[in-house]
Amino acid sequence: MFKGLLRKIRKNPRGATALEFAFAAPIILFMTFGFFEFALILFTQGILHYSAGEATRYAMVNFDVGNLNADYITTVKQGIKSAAKDSFIMIDESKISNFDISVIVDPADQTKTVNVTIDYSYSMIMPLMPGSTFTMTGESKSFLVQ
């Protein structure tokens, strides 16, 4: 009886579609989730670079290059951070691991530059590799001229 049932199932083509779908569905789902995760990663990277650029633009406009007093630089750095945080879209500020602002004076020609670096701990939200976290960095550098 069991052999007859197996022969019947093997010759019946109705289950072929279900079997093909069972093989194809995980691959299609994996590719779909991968596409969306990759898009989120690119979006987050773009926002980090945009925020660092906005912070640098704020520094270029609002920094008095003649004043290198430590208190003044601390005050301007707070403004720079606030300008960057205003441009965070869908970014969780608690995942920012490093927000570095450095003002560098070249001793040779007294050229002043501002460097903004934002490090963000990105954790995947799609079920591809749960629990995987990596650091993304947004950077911007510019001259301070007045």
N, C-alpha and C. Protein backbone atom coordinates (compact mmCIF):
# COMPACT_ATOMS: atom_id res chain seq x y z
N MET A 1 0.81 -1.19 0.00
CA MET A 1 0.00 0.00 0.00
C MET A 1 0.86 1.27 0.00
N PHE A 2 1.89 1.25 0.81
CA PHE A 2 2.76 2.42 0.91
C PHE A 2 3.51 2.67 -0.40
N LYS A 3 3.95 1.58 -1.07
CA LYS A 3 4.63 1.72 -2.36
C LYS A 3 3.70 2.29 -3.41
N GLY A 4 2.46 1.89 -3.39
CA GLY A 4 1.47 2.41 -4.35
C GLY A 4 1.23 3.90 -4.14
N LEU A 5 1.22 4.33 -2.88
CA LEU A 5 1.03 5.76 -2.58
C LEU A 5 2.23 6.58 -3.06
N LEU A 6 3.44 6.05 -2.86
CA LEU A 6 4.63 6.75 -3.34
C LEU A 6 4.64 6.87 -4.86
N ARG A 7 4.25 5.81 -5.55
CA ARG A 7 4.18 5.86 -7.01
C ARG A 7 3.17 6.89 -7.48
N LYS A 8 2.06 6.96 -6.79
CA LYS A 8 1.01 7.92 -7.14
C LYS A 8 1.50 9.36 -6.96
N ILE A 9 2.18 9.62 -5.86
CA ILE A 9 2.69 10.97 -5.57
C ILE A 9 3.77 11.36 -6.58
N ARG A 10 4.63 10.41 -6.92
CA ARG A 10 5.72 10.70 -7.86
C ARG A 10 5.20 11.02 -9.25
N LYS A 11 4.13 10.43 -9.67
CA LYS A 11 3.61 10.66 -11.01
C LYS A 11 2.65 11.85 -11.08
N ASN A 12 2.22 12.36 -9.95
CA ASN A 12 1.26 13.46 -9.93
C ASN A 12 2.01 14.79 -10.03
N PRO A 13 1.79 15.62 -11.06
CA PRO A 13 2.54 16.88 -11.22
C PRO A 13 1.99 18.03 -10.38
N ARG A 14 0.88 17.85 -9.67
CA ARG A 14 0.27 18.95 -8.94
C ARG A 14 1.17 19.46 -7.81
N GLY A 15 1.96 18.65 -7.23
CA GLY A 15 2.81 19.08 -6.12
C GLY A 15 4.12 19.70 -6.57
N ALA A 16 4.38 19.70 -7.86
CA ALA A 16 5.65 20.23 -8.37
C ALA A 16 5.78 21.72 -8.10
N THR A 17 4.69 22.45 -8.25
CA THR A 17 4.73 23.90 -8.01
C THR A 17 5.04 24.20 -6.55
N ALA A 18 4.40 23.47 -5.66
CA ALA A 18 4.66 23.68 -4.23
C ALA A 18 6.11 23.35 -3.89
N LEU A 19 6.63 22.30 -4.47
CA LEU A 19 8.01 21.93 -4.21
C LEU A 19 8.99 22.97 -4.76
N GLU A 20 8.74 23.45 -5.96
CA GLU A 20 9.58 24.51 -6.54
C GLU A 20 9.52 25.78 -5.69
N PHE A 21 8.33 26.12 -5.21
CA PHE A 21 8.20 27.31 -4.36
C PHE A 21 8.95 27.11 -3.05
N ALA A 22 8.92 25.91 -2.52
CA ALA A 22 9.63 25.63 -1.27
C ALA A 22 11.14 25.82 -1.44
N PHE A 23 11.65 25.53 -2.63
CA PHE A 23 13.07 25.76 -2.88
C PHE A 23 13.38 27.22 -3.18
N ALA A 24 12.48 27.90 -3.88
CA ALA A 24 12.74 29.27 -4.32
C ALA A 24 12.41 30.32 -3.25
N ALA A 25 11.44 30.07 -2.41
CA ALA A 25 10.99 31.07 -1.44
C ALA A 25 12.09 31.56 -0.50
N PRO A 26 12.90 30.69 0.11
CA PRO A 26 13.96 31.21 0.99
C PRO A 26 14.96 32.10 0.26
N ILE A 27 15.27 31.75 -0.97
CA ILE A 27 16.22 32.55 -1.74
C ILE A 27 15.62 33.92 -2.06
N ILE A 28 14.35 33.93 -2.48
CA ILE A 28 13.70 35.20 -2.80
C ILE A 28 13.57 36.07 -1.55
N LEU A 29 13.18 35.48 -0.41
CA LEU A 29 13.07 36.24 0.83
C LEU A 29 14.42 36.78 1.28
N PHE A 30 15.44 35.95 1.18
CA PHE A 30 16.78 36.38 1.56
C PHE A 30 17.23 37.57 0.70
N MET A 31 16.99 37.50 -0.60
CA MET A 31 17.38 38.59 -1.48
C MET A 31 16.55 39.86 -1.20
N THR A 32 15.28 39.70 -0.91
CA THR A 32 14.43 40.85 -0.61
C THR A 32 14.88 41.53 0.68
N PHE A 33 15.06 40.74 1.75
CA PHE A 33 15.53 41.31 3.00
C PHE A 33 16.91 41.93 2.84
N GLY A 34 17.76 41.29 2.08
CA GLY A 34 19.10 41.82 1.83
C GLY A 34 19.06 43.15 1.10
N PHE A 35 18.17 43.28 0.14
CA PHE A 35 18.02 44.54 -0.58
C PHE A 35 17.60 45.66 0.36
N PHE A 36 16.61 45.40 1.20
CA PHE A 36 16.14 46.44 2.12
C PHE A 36 17.19 46.78 3.17
N GLU A 37 17.90 45.80 3.66
CA GLU A 37 18.96 46.06 4.64
C GLU A 37 20.08 46.88 4.01
N PHE A 38 20.45 46.54 2.80
CA PHE A 38 21.49 47.29 2.09
C PHE A 38 21.04 48.74 1.86
N ALA A 39 19.76 48.92 1.51
CA ALA A 39 19.23 50.28 1.32
C ALA A 39 19.27 51.06 2.63
N LEU A 40 18.95 50.43 3.75
CA LEU A 40 19.03 51.11 5.05
C LEU A 40 20.46 51.48 5.41
N ILE A 41 21.39 50.60 5.09
CA ILE A 41 22.79 50.89 5.37
C ILE A 41 23.26 52.09 4.55
N LEU A 42 22.92 52.10 3.26
CA LEU A 42 23.31 53.24 2.42
C LEU A 42 22.65 54.53 2.89
N PHE A 43 21.39 54.46 3.28
CA PHE A 43 20.68 55.64 3.78
C PHE A 43 21.35 56.17 5.05
N THR A 44 21.66 55.28 5.98
CA THR A 44 22.30 55.69 7.23
C THR A 44 23.68 56.30 6.96
N GLN A 45 24.43 55.70 6.06
CA GLN A 45 25.75 56.24 5.72
C GLN A 45 25.62 57.63 5.11
N GLY A 46 24.64 57.79 4.24
CA GLY A 46 24.41 59.11 3.64
C GLY A 46 24.04 60.15 4.67
N ILE A 47 23.19 59.79 5.62
CA ILE A 47 22.80 60.73 6.68
C ILE A 47 24.00 61.09 7.54
N LEU A 48 24.85 60.14 7.84
CA LEU A 48 26.04 60.44 8.65
C LEU A 48 26.96 61.42 7.93
N HIS A 49 27.19 61.20 6.63
CA HIS A 49 28.03 62.13 5.88
C HIS A 49 27.37 63.50 5.75
N TYR A 50 26.07 63.51 5.54
CA TYR A 50 25.34 64.78 5.44
C TYR A 50 25.42 65.55 6.77
N SER A 51 25.25 64.86 7.89
CA SER A 51 25.31 65.51 9.20
C SER A 51 26.70 66.06 9.48
N ALA A 52 27.72 65.30 9.12
CA ALA A 52 29.09 65.79 9.31
C ALA A 52 29.33 67.01 8.42
N GLY A 53 28.81 67.00 7.20
CA GLY A 53 28.95 68.15 6.31
C GLY A 53 28.22 69.37 6.84
N GLU A 54 27.03 69.18 7.40
CA GLU A 54 26.29 70.30 7.98
C GLU A 54 27.04 70.88 9.17
N ALA A 55 27.65 70.02 9.97
CA ALA A 55 28.44 70.50 11.11
C ALA A 55 29.64 71.30 10.63
N THR A 56 30.28 70.85 9.57
CA THR A 56 31.42 71.57 9.03
C THR A 56 30.99 72.93 8.45
N ARG A 57 29.87 72.96 7.76
CA ARG A 57 29.35 74.23 7.23
C ARG A 57 29.05 75.21 8.37
N TYR A 58 28.46 74.71 9.44
CA TYR A 58 28.18 75.55 10.60
C TYR A 58 29.49 76.12 11.15
N ALA A 59 30.52 75.30 11.24
CA ALA A 59 31.81 75.76 11.75
C ALA A 59 32.42 76.81 10.83
N MET A 60 32.30 76.62 9.52
CA MET A 60 32.87 77.58 8.57
C MET A 60 32.22 78.95 8.72
N VAL A 61 30.93 78.99 8.99
CA VAL A 61 30.20 80.26 9.07
C VAL A 61 30.33 80.90 10.45
N ASN A 62 30.33 80.10 11.50
CA ASN A 62 30.22 80.64 12.86
C ASN A 62 31.51 80.63 13.67
N PHE A 63 32.60 80.21 13.08
CA PHE A 63 33.85 80.13 13.85
C PHE A 63 34.68 81.38 13.60
N ASP A 64 35.10 82.02 14.67
CA ASP A 64 35.98 83.18 14.57
C ASP A 64 37.42 82.67 14.62
N VAL A 65 38.09 82.69 13.47
CA VAL A 65 39.43 82.09 13.39
C VAL A 65 40.46 82.86 14.19
N GLY A 66 40.17 84.09 14.54
CA GLY A 66 41.11 84.87 15.34
C GLY A 66 41.04 84.51 16.81
N ASN A 67 40.01 83.84 17.24
CA ASN A 67 39.82 83.51 18.64
C ASN A 67 40.03 82.01 18.84
N LEU A 68 41.13 81.64 19.46
CA LEU A 68 41.42 80.23 19.73
C LEU A 68 41.38 79.94 21.23
N ASN A 69 40.62 80.73 21.97
CA ASN A 69 40.44 80.53 23.40
C ASN A 69 39.72 79.20 23.63
N ALA A 70 40.13 78.46 24.63
CA ALA A 70 39.57 77.13 24.89
C ALA A 70 38.07 77.19 25.20
N ASP A 71 37.65 78.20 25.96
CA ASP A 71 36.22 78.34 26.28
C ASP A 71 35.41 78.64 25.02
N TYR A 72 35.95 79.49 24.16
CA TYR A 72 35.25 79.82 22.91
C TYR A 72 35.13 78.59 22.01
N ILE A 73 36.20 77.83 21.92
CA ILE A 73 36.18 76.62 21.08
C ILE A 73 35.17 75.61 21.63
N THR A 74 35.10 75.47 22.95
CA THR A 74 34.12 74.56 23.57
C THR A 74 32.70 75.00 23.24
N THR A 75 32.44 76.30 23.30
CA THR A 75 31.11 76.82 22.98
C THR A 75 30.76 76.57 21.52
N VAL A 76 31.70 76.82 20.63
CA VAL A 76 31.44 76.60 19.20
C VAL A 76 31.25 75.11 18.92
N LYS A 77 32.00 74.25 19.61
CA LYS A 77 31.84 72.81 19.40
C LYS A 77 30.43 72.36 19.78
N GLN A 78 29.86 72.94 20.81
CA GLN A 78 28.48 72.61 21.18
C GLN A 78 27.51 73.02 20.07
N GLY A 79 27.75 74.18 19.46
CA GLY A 79 26.93 74.62 18.34
C GLY A 79 27.09 73.71 17.13
N ILE A 80 28.31 73.25 16.90
CA ILE A 80 28.58 72.35 15.78
C ILE A 80 27.85 71.02 16.01
N LYS A 81 27.91 70.48 17.23
CA LYS A 81 27.20 69.24 17.53
C LYS A 81 25.69 69.41 17.35
N SER A 82 25.20 70.53 17.80
CA SER A 82 23.76 70.78 17.67
C SER A 82 23.35 70.88 16.20
N ALA A 83 24.19 71.50 15.36
CA ALA A 83 23.90 71.60 13.92
C ALA A 83 23.89 70.22 13.28
N ALA A 84 24.79 69.36 13.72
CA ALA A 84 24.82 67.99 13.17
C ALA A 84 23.60 67.20 13.63
N LYS A 85 23.24 67.33 14.89
CA LYS A 85 22.11 66.57 15.42
C LYS A 85 20.78 67.03 14.81
N ASP A 86 20.71 68.28 14.39
CA ASP A 86 19.49 68.77 13.73
C ASP A 86 19.26 68.08 12.40
N SER A 87 20.31 67.57 11.79
CA SER A 87 20.17 66.93 10.48
C SER A 87 20.10 65.41 10.56
N PHE A 88 20.04 64.85 11.78
CA PHE A 88 19.88 63.40 11.92
C PHE A 88 18.44 63.03 11.56
N ILE A 89 18.29 62.18 10.57
CA ILE A 89 16.97 61.69 10.17
C ILE A 89 17.00 60.18 10.37
N MET A 90 16.12 59.68 11.19
CA MET A 90 16.04 58.24 11.49
C MET A 90 17.35 57.71 12.07
N ILE A 91 18.06 58.55 12.78
CA ILE A 91 19.31 58.14 13.43
C ILE A 91 19.06 58.13 14.94
N ASP A 92 19.37 57.02 15.58
CA ASP A 92 19.23 56.92 17.03
C ASP A 92 20.49 57.51 17.66
N GLU A 93 20.32 58.64 18.34
CA GLU A 93 21.48 59.35 18.90
C GLU A 93 22.19 58.54 19.98
N SER A 94 21.50 57.59 20.59
CA SER A 94 22.14 56.78 21.62
C SER A 94 23.15 55.80 21.03
N LYS A 95 23.10 55.57 19.71
CA LYS A 95 24.03 54.65 19.06
C LYS A 95 25.27 55.36 18.51
N ILE A 96 25.38 56.66 18.75
CA ILE A 96 26.58 57.38 18.31
C ILE A 96 27.68 57.10 19.32
N SER A 97 28.71 56.41 18.86
CA SER A 97 29.78 56.00 19.76
C SER A 97 30.88 57.05 19.86
N ASN A 98 31.01 57.89 18.84
CA ASN A 98 32.06 58.91 18.86
C ASN A 98 31.59 60.10 18.03
N PHE A 99 31.72 61.29 18.60
CA PHE A 99 31.42 62.52 17.88
C PHE A 99 32.61 63.43 18.12
N ASP A 100 33.52 63.46 17.18
CA ASP A 100 34.78 64.17 17.37
C ASP A 100 34.83 65.41 16.49
N ILE A 101 35.15 66.54 17.12
CA ILE A 101 35.35 67.80 16.40
C ILE A 101 36.74 68.29 16.76
N SER A 102 37.57 68.47 15.76
CA SER A 102 38.91 68.97 16.03
C SER A 102 39.21 70.17 15.15
N VAL A 103 39.79 71.18 15.78
CA VAL A 103 40.25 72.37 15.06
C VAL A 103 41.77 72.29 15.05
N ILE A 104 42.33 72.24 13.84
CA ILE A 104 43.76 72.05 13.69
C ILE A 104 44.36 73.30 13.05
N VAL A 105 45.44 73.79 13.65
CA VAL A 105 46.17 74.94 13.11
C VAL A 105 47.50 74.44 12.58
N ASP A 106 47.73 74.65 11.28
CA ASP A 106 49.00 74.26 10.66
C ASP A 106 50.06 75.28 11.06
N PRO A 107 51.11 74.86 11.75
CA PRO A 107 52.12 75.82 12.22
C PRO A 107 52.90 76.48 11.08
N ALA A 108 52.97 75.86 9.93
CA ALA A 108 53.76 76.42 8.83
C ALA A 108 53.13 77.67 8.25
N ASP A 109 51.83 77.61 7.97
CA ASP A 109 51.19 78.76 7.33
C ASP A 109 49.97 79.29 8.09
N GLN A 110 49.77 78.78 9.32
CA GLN A 110 48.67 79.20 10.19
C GLN A 110 47.29 78.93 9.58
N THR A 111 47.20 77.96 8.69
CA THR A 111 45.91 77.55 8.12
C THR A 111 45.13 76.77 9.17
N LYS A 112 43.86 77.13 9.33
CA LYS A 112 43.02 76.45 10.32
C LYS A 112 42.00 75.57 9.59
N THR A 113 41.87 74.34 10.07
CA THR A 113 40.88 73.42 9.50
C THR A 113 40.02 72.85 10.62
N VAL A 114 38.82 72.46 10.26
CA VAL A 114 37.93 71.78 11.19
C VAL A 114 37.63 70.40 10.62
N ASN A 115 37.73 69.40 11.48
CA ASN A 115 37.45 68.02 11.10
C ASN A 115 36.31 67.52 11.98
N VAL A 116 35.27 66.98 11.36
CA VAL A 116 34.13 66.42 12.09
C VAL A 116 34.04 64.94 11.74
N THR A 117 34.00 64.10 12.77
CA THR A 117 33.88 62.66 12.59
C THR A 117 32.75 62.16 13.48
N ILE A 118 31.82 61.41 12.86
CA ILE A 118 30.71 60.83 13.60
C ILE A 118 30.75 59.32 13.40
N ASP A 119 30.89 58.57 14.50
CA ASP A 119 30.87 57.11 14.46
C ASP A 119 29.52 56.63 14.98
N TYR A 120 28.92 55.69 14.26
CA TYR A 120 27.58 55.21 14.58
C TYR A 120 27.60 53.69 14.60
N SER A 121 27.07 53.10 15.67
CA SER A 121 27.00 51.63 15.78
C SER A 121 25.70 51.17 15.13
N TYR A 122 25.82 50.61 13.94
CA TYR A 122 24.65 50.16 13.18
C TYR A 122 24.40 48.69 13.49
N SER A 123 23.18 48.39 13.87
CA SER A 123 22.80 46.99 14.07
C SER A 123 21.70 46.65 13.07
N MET A 124 21.84 45.51 12.44
CA MET A 124 20.89 45.11 11.40
C MET A 124 19.52 44.87 12.01
N ILE A 125 18.49 45.31 11.28
CA ILE A 125 17.13 45.14 11.79
C ILE A 125 16.38 44.04 11.05
N MET A 126 16.87 43.64 9.93
CA MET A 126 16.23 42.56 9.19
C MET A 126 16.78 41.22 9.70
N PRO A 127 16.03 40.15 9.52
CA PRO A 127 16.45 38.87 10.10
C PRO A 127 17.51 38.12 9.29
N LEU A 128 18.40 38.84 8.62
CA LEU A 128 19.46 38.16 7.87
C LEU A 128 20.50 37.59 8.82
N MET A 129 21.10 38.48 9.58
CA MET A 129 22.10 38.08 10.56
C MET A 129 21.77 38.80 11.86
N PRO A 130 20.87 38.27 12.66
CA PRO A 130 20.45 38.98 13.86
C PRO A 130 21.61 39.19 14.82
N GLY A 131 21.62 40.36 15.41
CA GLY A 131 22.65 40.67 16.39
C GLY A 131 23.95 41.17 15.81
N SER A 132 24.07 41.27 14.51
CA SER A 132 25.33 41.75 13.95
C SER A 132 25.35 43.28 13.98
N THR A 133 26.41 43.82 14.50
CA THR A 133 26.58 45.26 14.64
C THR A 133 27.94 45.65 14.08
N PHE A 134 27.97 46.78 13.40
CA PHE A 134 29.24 47.30 12.91
C PHE A 134 29.21 48.82 12.98
N THR A 135 30.37 49.43 12.89
CA THR A 135 30.50 50.88 13.04
C THR A 135 30.58 51.53 11.68
N MET A 136 29.75 52.57 11.51
CA MET A 136 29.77 53.38 10.29
C MET A 136 30.32 54.75 10.67
N THR A 137 31.02 55.38 9.74
CA THR A 137 31.64 56.67 10.02
C THR A 137 31.25 57.69 8.97
N GLY A 138 30.88 58.88 9.45
CA GLY A 138 30.65 60.01 8.57
C GLY A 138 31.71 61.06 8.87
N GLU A 139 32.37 61.58 7.84
CA GLU A 139 33.46 62.53 8.04
C GLU A 139 33.30 63.73 7.13
N SER A 140 33.82 64.86 7.61
CA SER A 140 33.86 66.06 6.80
C SER A 140 35.01 66.93 7.29
N LYS A 141 35.71 67.55 6.35
CA LYS A 141 36.84 68.42 6.69
C LYS A 141 36.74 69.70 5.84
N SER A 142 37.15 70.80 6.44
CA SER A 142 37.11 72.05 5.69
C SER A 142 38.06 73.07 6.30
N PHE A 143 38.42 74.04 5.49
CA PHE A 143 39.23 75.15 5.96
C PHE A 143 38.34 76.17 6.66
N LEU A 144 38.91 76.82 7.69
CA LEU A 144 38.23 77.92 8.35
C LEU A 144 38.87 79.21 7.84
N VAL A 145 38.11 79.96 7.08
CA VAL A 145 38.64 81.17 6.45
C VAL A 145 37.74 82.33 6.80
N GLN A 146 38.36 83.48 7.12
CA GLN A 146 37.59 84.71 7.33
C GLN A 146 38.41 85.89 6.88
